[in-house]
Amino acid sequence: MTNLPMTNRTPVQRALGSGHDARSTADDVLKGVDLTGRTAVVTGGYSGLGLEATRALARAGAHVIVPARRPETAAAALRGTPGTEVAALDLADLDSVRAFADGILAGGRAVDVLINNAGIMACPETRVGPGWEAHFAVNHLGHHALVNRLAPALTPGRARVVSVASSGHFLSDVRWDDPHFRRSPYDPWLAYAQSKTANALFARHLDALAGDRGPRAFAVHPGSILTPLQRHIPREEQIAQGWMDADGRPADGFKSPAQGAATAVWAATSPLLEEHGGAYCQDCDVAGPATTDDMLIGGVKPWAVDPAGAARLWQLSAELTGVDAFS
């Protein structure tokens, strides 16, 4: 494997005392923040947590571009939300990723915030592109390609890239010998878990590679929230898992979508994080190491912040997607 250049950015996983917590909303963390003149890109920013993040950023003055696989659906969801626009993007299609990025670059637009929010969870076995497993392709590889293709547009020294990960990473490191489940039986939860570990490792290595020229990159666990992300999980299974009661009410410890969007928005804007790039965050602060296997408690497992694993994943992703703007 090629040795990748590194910087001395070594994030420490301990809380900073942000003044916010699990109950904070996206609007709470943006109170007093003026994003006038800033441009944000929020993938999947028209549903669930992404929609809440888009609305909060726009209310704070940002112009928000929402790349969407279903532009008509996105336009309908954002109707009446000033300061937003929709563009076509399918993260499972690298040609689509290129076309979206080329459109941004051709317009000479600067991007100050990029939130890699779109994703899929526990879906039936699906192959995209050259036979890639869909979770790894959509949740990770598509975003890897997007960030690298948008690199010239990321505002030097100021841009933030935030990858929405999950405590789902508890279930699996990257499956280095078989990331696309070609030799082993497909497991939707392990596929999802691997992609969420990849989101965290991607943020860590992007921040290390970018150095002083930026961007600063972070991974965030939004918390447990009932959103359209669970569309592939039968209601009976969600009840059996204890996520909701028989009447569909979320379990104790679950957040509202506005609370779930808060950590990504905080990571995208908080000055407290300026010297903590590459960190894994939750509940609007830097997360500590996971001390249990309880995903509601959260924290971060060692394999999701391992610098060697992060470098290995970057190399693999660059080879698969053919793009690497930072090494």
C-alpha atoms as a PDB file:
ATOM      1  CA  MET A   1       0.000   0.000   0.000  1.00  0.00           C
ATOM      2  CA  THR A   2       1.272   3.482  -0.872  1.00  0.00           C
ATOM      3  CA  ASN A   3       2.360   5.598   2.083  1.00  0.00           C
ATOM      4  CA  LEU A   4       0.029   8.576   2.334  1.00  0.00           C
ATOM      5  CA  PRO A   5       1.240  11.978   3.580  1.00  0.00           C
ATOM      6  CA  MET A   6       0.023  12.898   7.024  1.00  0.00           C
ATOM      7  CA  THR A   7      -0.046  16.024   9.153  1.00  0.00           C
ATOM      8  CA  ASN A   8       0.311  16.410  12.916  1.00  0.00           C
ATOM      9  CA  ARG A   9      -3.447  16.714  13.391  1.00  0.00           C
ATOM     10  CA  THR A  10      -4.271  14.114  16.039  1.00  0.00           C
ATOM     11  CA  PRO A  11      -7.789  14.532  17.416  1.00  0.00           C
ATOM     12  CA  VAL A  12      -8.424  13.622  21.031  1.00  0.00           C
ATOM     13  CA  GLN A  13     -11.728  11.920  21.799  1.00  0.00           C
ATOM     14  CA  ARG A  14     -12.946  13.772  24.867  1.00  0.00           C
ATOM     15  CA  ALA A  15     -15.723  16.268  25.458  1.00  0.00           C
ATOM     16  CA  LEU A  16     -14.967  19.968  25.060  1.00  0.00           C
ATOM     17  CA  GLY A  17     -17.831  21.317  27.168  1.00  0.00           C
ATOM     18  CA  SER A  18     -19.786  22.807  24.278  1.00  0.00           C
ATOM     19  CA  GLY A  19     -22.740  23.949  26.373  1.00  0.00           C
ATOM     20  CA  HIS A  20     -25.061  21.819  24.255  1.00  0.00           C
ATOM     21  CA  ASP A  21     -26.279  18.272  24.779  1.00  0.00           C
ATOM     22  CA  ALA A  22     -28.537  15.519  23.448  1.00  0.00           C
ATOM     23  CA  ARG A  23     -31.613  17.728  23.836  1.00  0.00           C
ATOM     24  CA  SER A  24     -30.237  20.600  21.758  1.00  0.00           C
ATOM     25  CA  THR A  25     -31.756  21.218  18.340  1.00  0.00           C
ATOM     26  CA  ALA A  26     -30.133  22.412  15.144  1.00  0.00           C
ATOM     27  CA  ASP A  27     -31.610  25.871  15.758  1.00  0.00           C
ATOM     28  CA  ASP A  28     -30.228  25.858  19.311  1.00  0.00           C
ATOM     29  CA  VAL A  29     -26.641  25.323  18.179  1.00  0.00           C
ATOM     30  CA  LEU A  30     -26.981  27.987  15.484  1.00  0.00           C
ATOM     31  CA  LYS A  31     -28.426  30.615  17.813  1.00  0.00           C
ATOM     32  CA  GLY A  32     -26.448  33.811  17.217  1.00  0.00           C
ATOM     33  CA  VAL A  33     -24.553  32.297  14.265  1.00  0.00           C
ATOM     34  CA  ASP A  34     -24.705  34.364  11.073  1.00  0.00           C
ATOM     35  CA  LEU A  35     -24.062  32.313   7.939  1.00  0.00           C
ATOM     36  CA  THR A  36     -24.964  35.071   5.497  1.00  0.00           C
ATOM     37  CA  GLY A  37     -22.834  34.744   2.386  1.00  0.00           C
ATOM     38  CA  ARG A  38     -21.893  31.127   3.145  1.00  0.00           C
ATOM     39  CA  THR A  39     -22.806  28.196   0.907  1.00  0.00           C
ATOM     40  CA  ALA A  40     -23.610  24.745   2.268  1.00  0.00           C
ATOM     41  CA  VAL A  41     -24.165  21.460   0.457  1.00  0.00           C
ATOM     42  CA  VAL A  42     -26.278  18.869   2.304  1.00  0.00           C
ATOM     43  CA  THR A  43     -26.669  15.525   0.564  1.00  0.00           C
ATOM     44  CA  GLY A  44     -30.096  14.075   1.184  1.00  0.00           C
ATOM     45  CA  GLY A  45     -31.062  17.418   2.666  1.00  0.00           C
ATOM     46  CA  TYR A  46     -34.732  17.011   1.894  1.00  0.00           C
ATOM     47  CA  SER A  47     -35.747  14.218   4.260  1.00  0.00           C
ATOM     48  CA  GLY A  48     -35.319  13.335   7.918  1.00  0.00           C
ATOM     49  CA  LEU A  49     -32.237  14.772   9.581  1.00  0.00           C
ATOM     50  CA  GLY A  50     -31.007  16.275   6.336  1.00  0.00           C
ATOM     51  CA  LEU A  51     -34.155  18.338   5.942  1.00  0.00           C
ATOM     52  CA  GLU A  52     -33.835  19.673   9.491  1.00  0.00           C
ATOM     53  CA  ALA A  53     -30.180  20.566   8.879  1.00  0.00           C
ATOM     54  CA  THR A  54     -31.030  22.302   5.598  1.00  0.00           C
ATOM     55  CA  ARG A  55     -33.779  24.380   7.174  1.00  0.00           C
ATOM     56  CA  ALA A  56     -31.641  25.383  10.159  1.00  0.00           C
ATOM     57  CA  LEU A  57     -28.669  26.401   8.004  1.00  0.00           C
ATOM     58  CA  ALA A  58     -30.945  28.405   5.726  1.00  0.00           C
ATOM     59  CA  ARG A  59     -32.573  30.149   8.687  1.00  0.00           C
ATOM     60  CA  ALA A  60     -29.071  31.136   9.842  1.00  0.00           C
ATOM     61  CA  GLY A  61     -28.480  32.831   6.486  1.00  0.00           C
ATOM     62  CA  ALA A  62     -26.659  30.170   4.469  1.00  0.00           C
ATOM     63  CA  HIS A  63     -27.500  29.346   0.887  1.00  0.00           C
ATOM     64  CA  VAL A  64     -28.044  25.580   0.883  1.00  0.00           C
ATOM     65  CA  ILE A  65     -27.624  23.360  -2.162  1.00  0.00           C
ATOM     66  CA  VAL A  66     -29.431  20.050  -1.803  1.00  0.00           C
ATOM     67  CA  PRO A  67     -28.195  17.307  -4.142  1.00  0.00           C
ATOM     68  CA  ALA A  68     -30.934  14.721  -4.529  1.00  0.00           C
ATOM     69  CA  ARG A  69     -31.514  11.419  -6.277  1.00  0.00           C
ATOM     70  CA  ARG A  70     -35.160  12.482  -6.588  1.00  0.00           C
ATOM     71  CA  PRO A  71     -35.002  16.203  -7.427  1.00  0.00           C
ATOM     72  CA  GLU A  72     -38.777  16.563  -7.796  1.00  0.00           C
ATOM     73  CA  THR A  73     -39.347  15.106  -4.323  1.00  0.00           C
ATOM     74  CA  ALA A  74     -36.642  17.345  -2.901  1.00  0.00           C
ATOM     75  CA  ALA A  75     -38.117  20.439  -4.520  1.00  0.00           C
ATOM     76  CA  ALA A  76     -41.511  19.642  -3.047  1.00  0.00           C
ATOM     77  CA  ALA A  77     -40.058  19.108   0.444  1.00  0.00           C
ATOM     78  CA  LEU A  78     -38.154  22.406   0.290  1.00  0.00           C
ATOM     79  CA  ARG A  79     -40.943  24.479  -1.214  1.00  0.00           C
ATOM     80  CA  GLY A  80     -41.344  27.562   0.948  1.00  0.00           C
ATOM     81  CA  THR A  81     -37.816  27.311   2.376  1.00  0.00           C
ATOM     82  CA  PRO A  82     -35.920  30.423   1.210  1.00  0.00           C
ATOM     83  CA  GLY A  83     -32.241  30.152   0.458  1.00  0.00           C
ATOM     84  CA  THR A  84     -32.284  26.611  -0.891  1.00  0.00           C
ATOM     85  CA  GLU A  85     -31.854  25.021  -4.287  1.00  0.00           C
ATOM     86  CA  VAL A  86     -31.997  21.456  -5.572  1.00  0.00           C
ATOM     87  CA  ALA A  87     -29.635  19.669  -7.955  1.00  0.00           C
ATOM     88  CA  ALA A  88     -29.554  16.115  -9.283  1.00  0.00           C
ATOM     89  CA  LEU A  89     -27.132  13.658  -7.692  1.00  0.00           C
ATOM     90  CA  ASP A  90     -27.144   9.868  -7.366  1.00  0.00           C
ATOM     91  CA  LEU A  91     -24.362   8.780  -5.025  1.00  0.00           C
ATOM     92  CA  ALA A  92     -24.526   5.242  -6.423  1.00  0.00           C
ATOM     93  CA  ASP A  93     -23.494   6.561  -9.858  1.00  0.00           C
ATOM     94  CA  LEU A  94     -19.998   8.060 -10.102  1.00  0.00           C
ATOM     95  CA  ASP A  95     -20.884   9.755 -13.392  1.00  0.00           C
ATOM     96  CA  SER A  96     -23.709  11.536 -11.580  1.00  0.00           C
ATOM     97  CA  VAL A  97     -21.314  12.576  -8.821  1.00  0.00           C
ATOM     98  CA  ARG A  98     -18.930  13.966 -11.418  1.00  0.00           C
ATOM     99  CA  ALA A  99     -21.699  15.865 -13.194  1.00  0.00           C
ATOM    100  CA  PHE A 100     -22.910  17.485  -9.974  1.00  0.00           C
ATOM    101  CA  ALA A 101     -19.403  18.513  -8.929  1.00  0.00           C
ATOM    102  CA  ASP A 102     -18.580  19.798 -12.406  1.00  0.00           C
ATOM    103  CA  GLY A 103     -21.671  22.005 -12.241  1.00  0.00           C
ATOM    104  CA  ILE A 104     -20.519  23.552  -8.963  1.00  0.00           C
ATOM    105  CA  LEU A 105     -16.995  24.100 -10.257  1.00  0.00           C
ATOM    106  CA  ALA A 106     -18.137  25.502 -13.599  1.00  0.00           C
ATOM    107  CA  GLY A 107     -20.194  28.103 -11.768  1.00  0.00           C
ATOM    108  CA  GLY A 108     -17.166  29.192  -9.766  1.00  0.00           C
ATOM    109  CA  ARG A 109     -19.037  28.598  -6.545  1.00  0.00           C
ATOM    110  CA  ALA A 110     -17.280  28.285  -3.198  1.00  0.00           C
ATOM    111  CA  VAL A 111     -18.515  25.679  -0.704  1.00  0.00           C
ATOM    112  CA  ASP A 112     -18.092  26.501   2.972  1.00  0.00           C
ATOM    113  CA  VAL A 113     -19.978  23.540   4.473  1.00  0.00           C
ATOM    114  CA  LEU A 114     -20.445  20.053   3.050  1.00  0.00           C
ATOM    115  CA  ILE A 115     -22.580  17.658   5.079  1.00  0.00           C
ATOM    116  CA  ASN A 116     -22.446  14.071   3.827  1.00  0.00           C
ATOM    117  CA  ASN A 117     -25.851  13.132   5.176  1.00  0.00           C
ATOM    118  CA  ALA A 118     -27.550  10.942   2.569  1.00  0.00           C
ATOM    119  CA  GLY A 119     -27.538   7.230   3.174  1.00  0.00           C
ATOM    120  CA  ILE A 120     -29.325   3.902   3.254  1.00  0.00           C
ATOM    121  CA  MET A 121     -29.788   1.429   6.108  1.00  0.00           C
ATOM    122  CA  ALA A 122     -30.440  -2.312   6.285  1.00  0.00           C
ATOM    123  CA  CYS A 123     -31.707  -2.548   2.731  1.00  0.00           C
ATOM    124  CA  PRO A 124     -32.017  -5.809   0.769  1.00  0.00           C
ATOM    125  CA  GLU A 125     -28.879  -6.912  -1.035  1.00  0.00           C
ATOM    126  CA  THR A 126     -28.309  -4.461  -3.874  1.00  0.00           C
ATOM    127  CA  ARG A 127     -25.442  -4.091  -6.315  1.00  0.00           C
ATOM    128  CA  VAL A 128     -24.489  -0.816  -7.965  1.00  0.00           C
ATOM    129  CA  GLY A 129     -21.769   0.307 -10.359  1.00  0.00           C
ATOM    130  CA  PRO A 130     -19.248  -2.493 -10.945  1.00  0.00           C
ATOM    131  CA  GLY A 131     -21.009  -4.805  -8.494  1.00  0.00           C
ATOM    132  CA  TRP A 132     -20.365  -2.771  -5.364  1.00  0.00           C
ATOM    133  CA  GLU A 133     -22.475  -3.446  -2.273  1.00  0.00           C
ATOM    134  CA  ALA A 134     -24.945  -0.577  -2.023  1.00  0.00           C
ATOM    135  CA  HIS A 135     -24.336   0.561   1.581  1.00  0.00           C
ATOM    136  CA  PHE A 136     -20.582   0.837   1.037  1.00  0.00           C
ATOM    137  CA  ALA A 137     -21.118   2.491  -2.338  1.00  0.00           C
ATOM    138  CA  VAL A 138     -23.786   5.027  -1.386  1.00  0.00           C
ATOM    139  CA  ASN A 139     -22.895   5.817   2.218  1.00  0.00           C
ATOM    140  CA  HIS A 140     -19.147   5.921   1.696  1.00  0.00           C
ATOM    141  CA  LEU A 141     -17.708   5.660  -1.830  1.00  0.00           C
ATOM    142  CA  GLY A 142     -20.135   8.151  -3.375  1.00  0.00           C
ATOM    143  CA  HIS A 143     -19.305  10.687  -0.686  1.00  0.00           C
ATOM    144  CA  HIS A 144     -15.574  10.021  -1.033  1.00  0.00           C
ATOM    145  CA  ALA A 145     -15.862  10.825  -4.737  1.00  0.00           C
ATOM    146  CA  LEU A 146     -18.034  13.877  -4.076  1.00  0.00           C
ATOM    147  CA  VAL A 147     -15.667  15.470  -1.558  1.00  0.00           C
ATOM    148  CA  ASN A 148     -12.631  14.849  -3.732  1.00  0.00           C
ATOM    149  CA  ARG A 149     -14.298  16.240  -6.850  1.00  0.00           C
ATOM    150  CA  LEU A 150     -15.475  19.315  -4.946  1.00  0.00           C
ATOM    151  CA  ALA A 151     -12.035  19.904  -3.433  1.00  0.00           C
ATOM    152  CA  PRO A 152     -11.278  22.992  -5.594  1.00  0.00           C
ATOM    153  CA  ALA A 153     -14.518  24.599  -4.421  1.00  0.00           C
ATOM    154  CA  LEU A 154     -13.944  24.068  -0.683  1.00  0.00           C
ATOM    155  CA  THR A 155     -13.096  27.443   0.834  1.00  0.00           C
ATOM    156  CA  PRO A 156      -9.415  27.338   1.864  1.00  0.00           C
ATOM    157  CA  GLY A 157      -8.861  27.495   5.599  1.00  0.00           C
ATOM    158  CA  ARG A 158     -12.566  27.735   6.378  1.00  0.00           C
ATOM    159  CA  ALA A 159     -14.529  24.856   4.871  1.00  0.00           C
ATOM    160  CA  ARG A 160     -15.986  22.093   7.032  1.00  0.00           C
ATOM    161  CA  VAL A 161     -16.820  18.584   5.812  1.00  0.00           C
ATOM    162  CA  VAL A 162     -19.126  16.610   8.099  1.00  0.00           C
ATOM    163  CA  SER A 163     -19.871  12.926   7.577  1.00  0.00           C
ATOM    164  CA  VAL A 164     -22.968  11.531   9.272  1.00  0.00           C
ATOM    165  CA  ALA A 165     -21.872   8.250  10.807  1.00  0.00           C
ATOM    166  CA  SER A 166     -23.726   6.205  13.450  1.00  0.00           C
ATOM    167  CA  SER A 167     -23.281   4.084  16.542  1.00  0.00           C
ATOM    168  CA  GLY A 168     -24.109   1.330  14.061  1.00  0.00           C
ATOM    169  CA  HIS A 169     -20.331   1.242  13.557  1.00  0.00           C
ATOM    170  CA  PHE A 170     -20.217  -0.762  16.807  1.00  0.00           C
ATOM    171  CA  LEU A 171     -21.149  -3.883  14.819  1.00  0.00           C
ATOM    172  CA  SER A 172     -18.292  -3.982  12.325  1.00  0.00           C
ATOM    173  CA  ASP A 173     -14.962  -2.626  11.265  1.00  0.00           C
ATOM    174  CA  VAL A 174     -14.411  -2.329   7.519  1.00  0.00           C
ATOM    175  CA  ARG A 175     -14.531  -5.865   6.120  1.00  0.00           C
ATOM    176  CA  TRP A 176     -11.129  -5.555   4.513  1.00  0.00           C
ATOM    177  CA  ASP A 177     -11.132  -9.007   2.929  1.00  0.00           C
ATOM    178  CA  ASP A 178     -14.667  -8.792   1.559  1.00  0.00           C
ATOM    179  CA  PRO A 179     -16.192  -5.291   1.722  1.00  0.00           C
ATOM    180  CA  HIS A 180     -18.738  -6.082  -0.991  1.00  0.00           C
ATOM    181  CA  PHE A 181     -19.939  -9.419   0.428  1.00  0.00           C
ATOM    182  CA  ARG A 182     -18.783 -11.321  -2.627  1.00  0.00           C
ATOM    183  CA  ARG A 183     -17.469 -14.315  -0.697  1.00  0.00           C
ATOM    184  CA  SER A 184     -19.693 -14.349   2.366  1.00  0.00           C
ATOM    185  CA  PRO A 185     -23.471 -14.264   2.908  1.00  0.00           C
ATOM    186  CA  TYR A 186     -24.941 -10.795   2.775  1.00  0.00           C
ATOM    187  CA  ASP A 187     -25.964  -9.307   6.122  1.00  0.00           C
ATOM    188  CA  PRO A 188     -27.785  -5.953   5.896  1.00  0.00           C
ATOM    189  CA  TRP A 189     -26.773  -4.854   9.388  1.00  0.00           C
ATOM    190  CA  LEU A 190     -23.102  -5.667   8.914  1.00  0.00           C
ATOM    191  CA  ALA A 191     -23.207  -3.900   5.545  1.00  0.00           C
ATOM    192  CA  TYR A 192     -24.663  -0.795   7.181  1.00  0.00           C
ATOM    193  CA  ALA A 193     -22.229  -0.993  10.114  1.00  0.00           C
ATOM    194  CA  GLN A 194     -19.202  -1.236   7.844  1.00  0.00           C
ATOM    195  CA  SER A 195     -20.320   1.844   5.918  1.00  0.00           C
ATOM    196  CA  LYS A 196     -20.712   3.839   9.124  1.00  0.00           C
ATOM    197  CA  THR A 197     -17.226   2.874  10.276  1.00  0.00           C
ATOM    198  CA  ALA A 198     -16.065   4.006   6.848  1.00  0.00           C
ATOM    199  CA  ASN A 199     -17.746   7.400   7.351  1.00  0.00           C
ATOM    200  CA  ALA A 200     -15.787   7.945  10.567  1.00  0.00           C
ATOM    201  CA  LEU A 201     -12.473   6.787   9.090  1.00  0.00           C
ATOM    202  CA  PHE A 202     -13.006   8.955   6.018  1.00  0.00           C
ATOM    203  CA  ALA A 203     -13.396  12.099   8.140  1.00  0.00           C
ATOM    204  CA  ARG A 204     -10.306  11.295  10.161  1.00  0.00           C
ATOM    205  CA  HIS A 205      -8.049  10.800   7.164  1.00  0.00           C
ATOM    206  CA  LEU A 206      -9.475  13.678   5.135  1.00  0.00           C
ATOM    207  CA  ASP A 207      -8.664  16.026   7.977  1.00  0.00           C
ATOM    208  CA  ALA A 208      -5.165  14.598   8.306  1.00  0.00           C
ATOM    209  CA  LEU A 209      -4.451  14.885   4.592  1.00  0.00           C
ATOM    210  CA  ALA A 210      -5.907  18.364   4.181  1.00  0.00           C
ATOM    211  CA  GLY A 211      -3.512  19.938   6.657  1.00  0.00           C
ATOM    212  CA  ASP A 212      -3.538  23.677   7.168  1.00  0.00           C
ATOM    213  CA  ARG A 213      -5.110  24.351   3.780  1.00  0.00           C
ATOM    214  CA  GLY A 214      -8.288  22.661   4.990  1.00  0.00           C
ATOM    215  CA  PRO A 215     -10.964  21.566   5.062  1.00  0.00           C
ATOM    216  CA  ARG A 216     -11.578  20.533   8.647  1.00  0.00           C
ATOM    217  CA  ALA A 217     -13.459  17.258   8.687  1.00  0.00           C
ATOM    218  CA  PHE A 218     -15.603  15.554  11.321  1.00  0.00           C
ATOM    219  CA  ALA A 219     -17.783  12.496  11.742  1.00  0.00           C
ATOM    220  CA  VAL A 220     -20.961  12.650  13.806  1.00  0.00           C
ATOM    221  CA  HIS A 221     -23.331  10.200  15.418  1.00  0.00           C
ATOM    222  CA  PRO A 222     -26.718  11.940  15.294  1.00  0.00           C
ATOM    223  CA  GLY A 223     -28.308   9.718  17.942  1.00  0.00           C
ATOM    224  CA  SER A 224     -31.246   7.352  17.659  1.00  0.00           C
ATOM    225  CA  ILE A 225     -34.085   8.923  15.685  1.00  0.00           C
ATOM    226  CA  LEU A 226     -37.049   7.493  13.800  1.00  0.00           C
ATOM    227  CA  THR A 227     -36.860   8.844  10.230  1.00  0.00           C
ATOM    228  CA  PRO A 228     -37.435   7.537   6.692  1.00  0.00           C
ATOM    229  CA  LEU A 229     -33.987   5.920   6.969  1.00  0.00           C
ATOM    230  CA  GLN A 230     -35.743   2.962   8.590  1.00  0.00           C
ATOM    231  CA  ARG A 231     -37.961   2.364   5.558  1.00  0.00           C
ATOM    232  CA  HIS A 232     -36.534  -1.120   4.973  1.00  0.00           C
ATOM    233  CA  ILE A 233     -37.123  -2.276   8.555  1.00  0.00           C
ATOM    234  CA  PRO A 234     -40.604  -3.728   9.218  1.00  0.00           C
ATOM    235  CA  ARG A 235     -42.584  -2.001  11.946  1.00  0.00           C
ATOM    236  CA  GLU A 236     -42.794  -5.275  13.870  1.00  0.00           C
ATOM    237  CA  GLU A 237     -39.000  -5.480  13.943  1.00  0.00           C
ATOM    238  CA  GLN A 238     -38.698  -1.887  15.147  1.00  0.00           C
ATOM    239  CA  ILE A 239     -41.111  -2.682  17.978  1.00  0.00           C
ATOM    240  CA  ALA A 240     -39.210  -5.883  18.804  1.00  0.00           C
ATOM    241  CA  GLN A 241     -35.940  -3.927  18.855  1.00  0.00           C
ATOM    242  CA  GLY A 242     -37.501  -1.543  21.389  1.00  0.00           C
ATOM    243  CA  TRP A 243     -37.266   1.470  19.071  1.00  0.00           C
ATOM    244  CA  MET A 244     -40.969   2.250  19.361  1.00  0.00           C
ATOM    245  CA  ASP A 245     -44.043   1.067  21.216  1.00  0.00           C
ATOM    246  CA  ALA A 246     -47.079  -0.556  19.630  1.00  0.00           C
ATOM    247  CA  ASP A 247     -48.564   2.890  18.947  1.00  0.00           C
ATOM    248  CA  GLY A 248     -45.460   4.058  17.057  1.00  0.00           C
ATOM    249  CA  ARG A 249     -44.138   6.326  19.799  1.00  0.00           C
ATOM    250  CA  PRO A 250     -40.301   6.487  19.918  1.00  0.00           C
ATOM    251  CA  ALA A 251     -38.606   4.803  22.852  1.00  0.00           C
ATOM    252  CA  ASP A 252     -37.035   6.748  25.691  1.00  0.00           C
ATOM    253  CA  GLY A 253     -33.631   8.042  24.639  1.00  0.00           C
ATOM    254  CA  PHE A 254     -34.659   8.636  21.024  1.00  0.00           C
ATOM    255  CA  LYS A 255     -34.315  12.154  19.644  1.00  0.00           C
ATOM    256  CA  SER A 256     -36.555  14.274  17.476  1.00  0.00           C
ATOM    257  CA  PRO A 257     -35.281  14.934  13.933  1.00  0.00           C
ATOM    258  CA  ALA A 258     -34.403  18.511  14.936  1.00  0.00           C
ATOM    259  CA  GLN A 259     -32.294  17.174  17.807  1.00  0.00           C
ATOM    260  CA  GLY A 260     -30.787  14.529  15.540  1.00  0.00           C
ATOM    261  CA  ALA A 261     -29.616  17.191  13.086  1.00  0.00           C
ATOM    262  CA  ALA A 262     -27.970  19.285  15.784  1.00  0.00           C
ATOM    263  CA  THR A 263     -24.602  17.542  16.014  1.00  0.00           C
ATOM    264  CA  ALA A 264     -23.940  17.727  12.270  1.00  0.00           C
ATOM    265  CA  VAL A 265     -24.807  21.437  12.219  1.00  0.00           C
ATOM    266  CA  TRP A 266     -22.701  22.032  15.325  1.00  0.00           C
ATOM    267  CA  ALA A 267     -19.715  20.241  13.767  1.00  0.00           C
ATOM    268  CA  ALA A 268     -20.165  22.316  10.615  1.00  0.00           C
ATOM    269  CA  THR A 269     -20.029  25.654  12.435  1.00  0.00           C
ATOM    270  CA  SER A 270     -18.641  25.528  15.980  1.00  0.00           C
ATOM    271  CA  PRO A 271     -15.393  27.452  16.574  1.00  0.00           C
ATOM    272  CA  LEU A 272     -14.668  25.079  19.471  1.00  0.00           C
ATOM    273  CA  LEU A 273     -13.746  22.394  16.945  1.00  0.00           C
ATOM    274  CA  GLU A 274     -11.115  24.395  15.087  1.00  0.00           C
ATOM    275  CA  GLU A 275      -8.248  22.502  16.731  1.00  0.00           C
ATOM    276  CA  HIS A 276     -10.041  19.147  16.839  1.00  0.00           C
ATOM    277  CA  GLY A 277     -10.393  18.171  13.200  1.00  0.00           C
ATOM    278  CA  GLY A 278     -10.983  14.515  12.487  1.00  0.00           C
ATOM    279  CA  ALA A 279     -12.942  14.017  15.703  1.00  0.00           C
ATOM    280  CA  TYR A 280     -15.981  11.781  16.065  1.00  0.00           C
ATOM    281  CA  CYS A 281     -18.805  13.730  17.712  1.00  0.00           C
ATOM    282  CA  GLN A 282     -22.149  13.043  19.348  1.00  0.00           C
ATOM    283  CA  ASP A 283     -24.663  15.055  21.371  1.00  0.00           C
ATOM    284  CA  CYS A 284     -23.108  18.316  20.128  1.00  0.00           C
ATOM    285  CA  ASP A 285     -19.666  17.606  21.547  1.00  0.00           C
ATOM    286  CA  VAL A 286     -16.650  15.424  20.875  1.00  0.00           C
ATOM    287  CA  ALA A 287     -17.468  11.839  21.851  1.00  0.00           C
ATOM    288  CA  GLY A 288     -15.439   9.791  24.266  1.00  0.00           C
ATOM    289  CA  PRO A 289     -14.321   6.217  23.660  1.00  0.00           C
ATOM    290  CA  ALA A 290     -17.151   3.678  23.808  1.00  0.00           C
ATOM    291  CA  THR A 291     -17.039   1.917  27.165  1.00  0.00           C
ATOM    292  CA  THR A 292     -19.964  -0.445  26.531  1.00  0.00           C
ATOM    293  CA  ASP A 293     -21.709  -2.066  23.571  1.00  0.00           C
ATOM    294  CA  ASP A 294     -24.872  -0.036  24.235  1.00  0.00           C
ATOM    295  CA  MET A 295     -25.495   2.027  21.093  1.00  0.00           C
ATOM    296  CA  LEU A 296     -27.846   4.382  22.930  1.00  0.00           C
ATOM    297  CA  ILE A 297     -24.964   5.379  25.200  1.00  0.00           C
ATOM    298  CA  GLY A 298     -22.711   5.679  22.177  1.00  0.00           C
ATOM    299  CA  GLY A 299     -19.125   6.772  22.095  1.00  0.00           C
ATOM    300  CA  VAL A 300     -16.681   5.615  19.452  1.00  0.00           C
ATOM    301  CA  LYS A 301     -15.082   2.199  19.014  1.00  0.00           C
ATOM    302  CA  PRO A 302     -11.318   2.095  18.410  1.00  0.00           C
ATOM    303  CA  TRP A 303     -11.570   0.740  14.865  1.00  0.00           C
ATOM    304  CA  ALA A 304     -13.577   3.803  13.776  1.00  0.00           C
ATOM    305  CA  VAL A 305     -10.795   6.234  14.744  1.00  0.00           C
ATOM    306  CA  ASP A 306      -7.767   4.099  13.917  1.00  0.00           C
ATOM    307  CA  PRO A 307      -5.346   6.182  11.802  1.00  0.00           C
ATOM    308  CA  ALA A 308      -3.884   3.143  10.055  1.00  0.00           C
ATOM    309  CA  GLY A 309      -7.369   1.930   9.141  1.00  0.00           C
ATOM    310  CA  ALA A 310      -8.274   5.422   7.961  1.00  0.00           C
ATOM    311  CA  ALA A 311      -5.242   5.559   5.655  1.00  0.00           C
ATOM    312  CA  ARG A 312      -5.984   2.058   4.353  1.00  0.00           C
ATOM    313  CA  LEU A 313      -9.597   2.941   3.617  1.00  0.00           C
ATOM    314  CA  TRP A 314      -8.586   6.131   1.808  1.00  0.00           C
ATOM    315  CA  GLN A 315      -6.214   4.206  -0.423  1.00  0.00           C
ATOM    316  CA  LEU A 316      -8.889   1.592  -1.209  1.00  0.00           C
ATOM    317  CA  SER A 317     -11.519   4.258  -1.902  1.00  0.00           C
ATOM    318  CA  ALA A 318      -9.212   6.234  -4.178  1.00  0.00           C
ATOM    319  CA  GLU A 319      -8.462   3.087  -6.160  1.00  0.00           C
ATOM    320  CA  LEU A 320     -12.138   2.152  -6.487  1.00  0.00           C
ATOM    321  CA  THR A 321     -13.443   5.604  -7.397  1.00  0.00           C
ATOM    322  CA  GLY A 322     -10.462   6.887  -9.329  1.00  0.00           C
ATOM    323  CA  VAL A 323     -10.392  10.213  -7.474  1.00  0.00           C
ATOM    324  CA  ASP A 324      -7.958  11.520  -4.861  1.00  0.00           C
ATOM    325  CA  ALA A 325      -7.506  15.281  -4.614  1.00  0.00           C
ATOM    326  CA  PHE A 326      -5.748  15.395  -1.257  1.00  0.00           C
ATOM    327  CA  SER A 327      -2.903  12.829  -1.195  1.00  0.00           C
END
